[in-house]
C-alpha atoms as a PDB file:
ATOM      1  CA  MET A   1     105.436  30.961  65.757  1.00  0.00           C
ATOM      2  CA  ALA A   2     107.682  33.704  64.963  1.00  0.00           C
ATOM      3  CA  ILE A   3     108.085  37.441  63.705  1.00  0.00           C
ATOM      4  CA  GLU A   4     110.579  38.443  61.277  1.00  0.00           C
ATOM      5  CA  TYR A   5     112.160  42.070  61.945  1.00  0.00           C
ATOM      6  CA  ASP A   6     115.234  43.749  60.731  1.00  0.00           C
ATOM      7  CA  GLY A   7     116.690  40.550  59.674  1.00  0.00           C
ATOM      8  CA  LYS A   8     116.111  38.640  62.993  1.00  0.00           C
ATOM      9  CA  THR A   9     113.655  36.005  64.031  1.00  0.00           C
ATOM     10  CA  TYR A  10     111.780  36.742  67.246  1.00  0.00           C
ATOM     11  CA  GLU A  11     110.020  33.785  68.784  1.00  0.00           C
ATOM     12  CA  THR A  12     106.459  33.925  69.964  1.00  0.00           C
ATOM     13  CA  ASP A  13     104.052  31.744  71.531  1.00  0.00           C
ATOM     14  CA  ALA A  14     100.996  30.268  70.037  1.00  0.00           C
ATOM     15  CA  ASN A  15      99.050  33.568  70.733  1.00  0.00           C
ATOM     16  CA  GLY A  16     101.869  35.878  69.291  1.00  0.00           C
ATOM     17  CA  TYR A  17     103.472  36.885  72.527  1.00  0.00           C
ATOM     18  CA  LEU A  18     107.175  37.310  72.650  1.00  0.00           C
ATOM     19  CA  VAL A  19     108.937  34.302  74.276  1.00  0.00           C
ATOM     20  CA  ASN A  20     111.949  36.467  75.204  1.00  0.00           C
ATOM     21  CA  HIS A  21     110.493  39.660  76.610  1.00  0.00           C
ATOM     22  CA  GLU A  22     113.904  41.385  76.754  1.00  0.00           C
ATOM     23  CA  GLU A  23     113.994  41.346  73.021  1.00  0.00           C
ATOM     24  CA  TRP A  24     111.230  43.837  72.687  1.00  0.00           C
ATOM     25  CA  SER A  25     112.123  47.085  70.975  1.00  0.00           C
ATOM     26  CA  GLU A  26     109.891  49.973  69.425  1.00  0.00           C
ATOM     27  CA  GLY A  27     110.829  48.924  65.989  1.00  0.00           C
ATOM     28  CA  LEU A  28     109.719  45.221  66.799  1.00  0.00           C
ATOM     29  CA  ALA A  29     106.424  46.662  68.169  1.00  0.00           C
ATOM     30  CA  GLU A  30     105.841  48.563  64.924  1.00  0.00           C
ATOM     31  CA  ALA A  31     106.490  45.341  63.134  1.00  0.00           C
ATOM     32  CA  MET A  32     104.115  43.305  65.412  1.00  0.00           C
ATOM     33  CA  ALA A  33     101.337  46.128  65.070  1.00  0.00           C
ATOM     34  CA  ALA A  34     101.649  46.106  61.328  1.00  0.00           C
ATOM     35  CA  LYS A  35     101.297  42.281  61.282  1.00  0.00           C
ATOM     36  CA  GLU A  36      97.836  42.944  62.982  1.00  0.00           C
ATOM     37  CA  GLY A  37      97.018  45.766  60.722  1.00  0.00           C
ATOM     38  CA  ILE A  38      97.595  48.547  63.195  1.00  0.00           C
ATOM     39  CA  THR A  39      99.949  51.697  62.479  1.00  0.00           C
ATOM     40  CA  LEU A  40     100.824  52.996  65.555  1.00  0.00           C
ATOM     41  CA  THR A  41     100.072  56.574  66.555  1.00  0.00           C
ATOM     42  CA  GLN A  42     101.084  58.547  69.635  1.00  0.00           C
ATOM     43  CA  GLU A  43      97.898  57.395  71.338  1.00  0.00           C
ATOM     44  CA  HIS A  44      98.981  53.704  70.738  1.00  0.00           C
ATOM     45  CA  TRP A  45     102.381  54.614  72.148  1.00  0.00           C
ATOM     46  CA  ASP A  46     100.844  56.277  75.235  1.00  0.00           C
ATOM     47  CA  VAL A  47      98.896  52.945  75.915  1.00  0.00           C
ATOM     48  CA  ILE A  48     102.010  50.719  75.194  1.00  0.00           C
ATOM     49  CA  ASN A  49     104.238  52.862  77.299  1.00  0.00           C
ATOM     50  CA  TYR A  50     101.521  52.863  80.276  1.00  0.00           C
ATOM     51  CA  LEU A  51     101.530  48.941  80.134  1.00  0.00           C
ATOM     52  CA  ARG A  52     105.229  48.628  80.134  1.00  0.00           C
ATOM     53  CA  GLU A  53     105.660  51.198  82.872  1.00  0.00           C
ATOM     54  CA  GLU A  54     102.941  49.168  84.980  1.00  0.00           C
ATOM     55  CA  TYR A  55     104.466  45.936  84.368  1.00  0.00           C
ATOM     56  CA  TYR A  56     108.221  46.966  84.853  1.00  0.00           C
ATOM     57  CA  ASN A  57     107.749  49.735  87.660  1.00  0.00           C
ATOM     58  CA  ASN A  58     104.693  48.250  89.583  1.00  0.00           C
ATOM     59  CA  GLY A  59     105.226  44.500  90.372  1.00  0.00           C
ATOM     60  CA  GLN A  60     104.442  43.155  87.015  1.00  0.00           C
ATOM     61  CA  HIS A  61     101.012  44.491  87.179  1.00  0.00           C
ATOM     62  CA  GLN A  62      98.955  44.091  84.106  1.00  0.00           C
ATOM     63  CA  PRO A  63      96.037  46.736  84.098  1.00  0.00           C
ATOM     64  CA  ASN A  64      92.668  45.813  82.740  1.00  0.00           C
ATOM     65  CA  ASP A  65      90.819  47.850  80.034  1.00  0.00           C
ATOM     66  CA  ARG A  66      88.921  49.986  82.710  1.00  0.00           C
ATOM     67  CA  THR A  67      92.119  50.959  84.448  1.00  0.00           C
ATOM     68  CA  ILE A  68      93.583  51.788  81.133  1.00  0.00           C
ATOM     69  CA  ILE A  69      90.644  53.872  80.079  1.00  0.00           C
ATOM     70  CA  LYS A  70      91.003  55.861  83.424  1.00  0.00           C
ATOM     71  CA  GLU A  71      94.750  56.442  82.917  1.00  0.00           C
ATOM     72  CA  MET A  72      94.453  57.392  79.329  1.00  0.00           C
ATOM     73  CA  GLY A  73      91.968  59.977  80.381  1.00  0.00           C
ATOM     74  CA  LYS A  74      94.451  61.505  82.785  1.00  0.00           C
ATOM     75  CA  ARG A  75      97.127  61.423  80.267  1.00  0.00           C
ATOM     76  CA  TRP A  76      95.069  62.842  77.380  1.00  0.00           C
ATOM     77  CA  GLY A  77      93.088  65.413  79.397  1.00  0.00           C
ATOM     78  CA  LYS A  78      89.770  64.281  78.144  1.00  0.00           C
ATOM     79  CA  LYS A  79      87.105  61.488  78.707  1.00  0.00           C
ATOM     80  CA  VAL A  80      88.062  58.210  77.294  1.00  0.00           C
ATOM     81  CA  SER A  81      85.664  55.584  76.519  1.00  0.00           C
ATOM     82  CA  SER A  82      86.169  51.813  75.836  1.00  0.00           C
ATOM     83  CA  LYS A  83      85.324  52.527  72.093  1.00  0.00           C
ATOM     84  CA  ASP A  84      88.328  54.911  72.127  1.00  0.00           C
ATOM     85  CA  LEU A  85      90.521  52.105  73.243  1.00  0.00           C
ATOM     86  CA  TYR A  86      88.832  49.453  71.018  1.00  0.00           C
ATOM     87  CA  ASN A  87      89.651  51.677  67.958  1.00  0.00           C
ATOM     88  CA  LEU A  88      93.274  51.662  68.903  1.00  0.00           C
ATOM     89  CA  PHE A  89      93.468  47.958  69.732  1.00  0.00           C
ATOM     90  CA  PRO A  90      90.460  46.162  68.282  1.00  0.00           C
ATOM     91  CA  LEU A  91      91.226  42.791  69.723  1.00  0.00           C
ATOM     92  CA  MET A  92      91.001  44.074  73.232  1.00  0.00           C
ATOM     93  CA  PRO A  93      93.186  46.818  74.407  1.00  0.00           C
ATOM     94  CA  SER A  94      94.437  44.983  77.672  1.00  0.00           C
ATOM     95  CA  LYS A  95      95.580  41.999  75.429  1.00  0.00           C
ATOM     96  CA  GLN A  96      96.451  43.104  72.149  1.00  0.00           C
ATOM     97  CA  GLY A  97      98.344  46.237  73.587  1.00  0.00           C
ATOM     98  CA  THR A  98     100.062  43.961  75.998  1.00  0.00           C
ATOM     99  CA  ARG A  99     101.221  41.602  73.006  1.00  0.00           C
ATOM    100  CA  ILE A 100     102.488  44.673  70.809  1.00  0.00           C
ATOM    101  CA  ALA A 101     104.145  46.044  74.205  1.00  0.00           C
ATOM    102  CA  GLY A 102     106.281  42.768  74.246  1.00  0.00           C
ATOM    103  CA  LEU A 103     104.784  41.852  77.714  1.00  0.00           C
ATOM    104  CA  PRO A 104     103.726  38.329  78.847  1.00  0.00           C
ATOM    105  CA  GLU A 105     100.100  37.190  78.092  1.00  0.00           C
ATOM    106  CA  THR A 106      97.854  38.100  80.879  1.00  0.00           C
ATOM    107  CA  ARG A 107      95.652  35.315  82.385  1.00  0.00           C
ATOM    108  CA  ARG A 108      92.869  37.420  83.496  1.00  0.00           C
ATOM    109  CA  LYS A 109      89.659  37.946  81.489  1.00  0.00           C
ATOM    110  CA  GLY A 110      90.224  41.718  81.175  1.00  0.00           C
ATOM    111  CA  GLY A 111      87.490  44.087  80.625  1.00  0.00           C
ATOM    112  CA  TYR A 112      85.658  45.512  83.651  1.00  0.00           C
END
């Protein structure tokens, strides 16, 4: 599989994750999200940036949905529910968010 963006083809695996994670850019994330029917808002970017920070600054850690909910609650200064995150990333925040963030596919089950 592949995704076209800005005149270039980016290879993805069978599940839509980038093969070369170093090719990721914010523009590519926008294109990947659009392909999945998502228009990225600031809340989407908060999740994406958190996932990337955890991966690159915390030993390739890939947080599950529960951990993302807790962190977004801190960042947004309000109580965040799983429904809030699923409104942003309907195909599972920890997996769909990770895909759009240009990170490797997580092998855990996610959720709680």
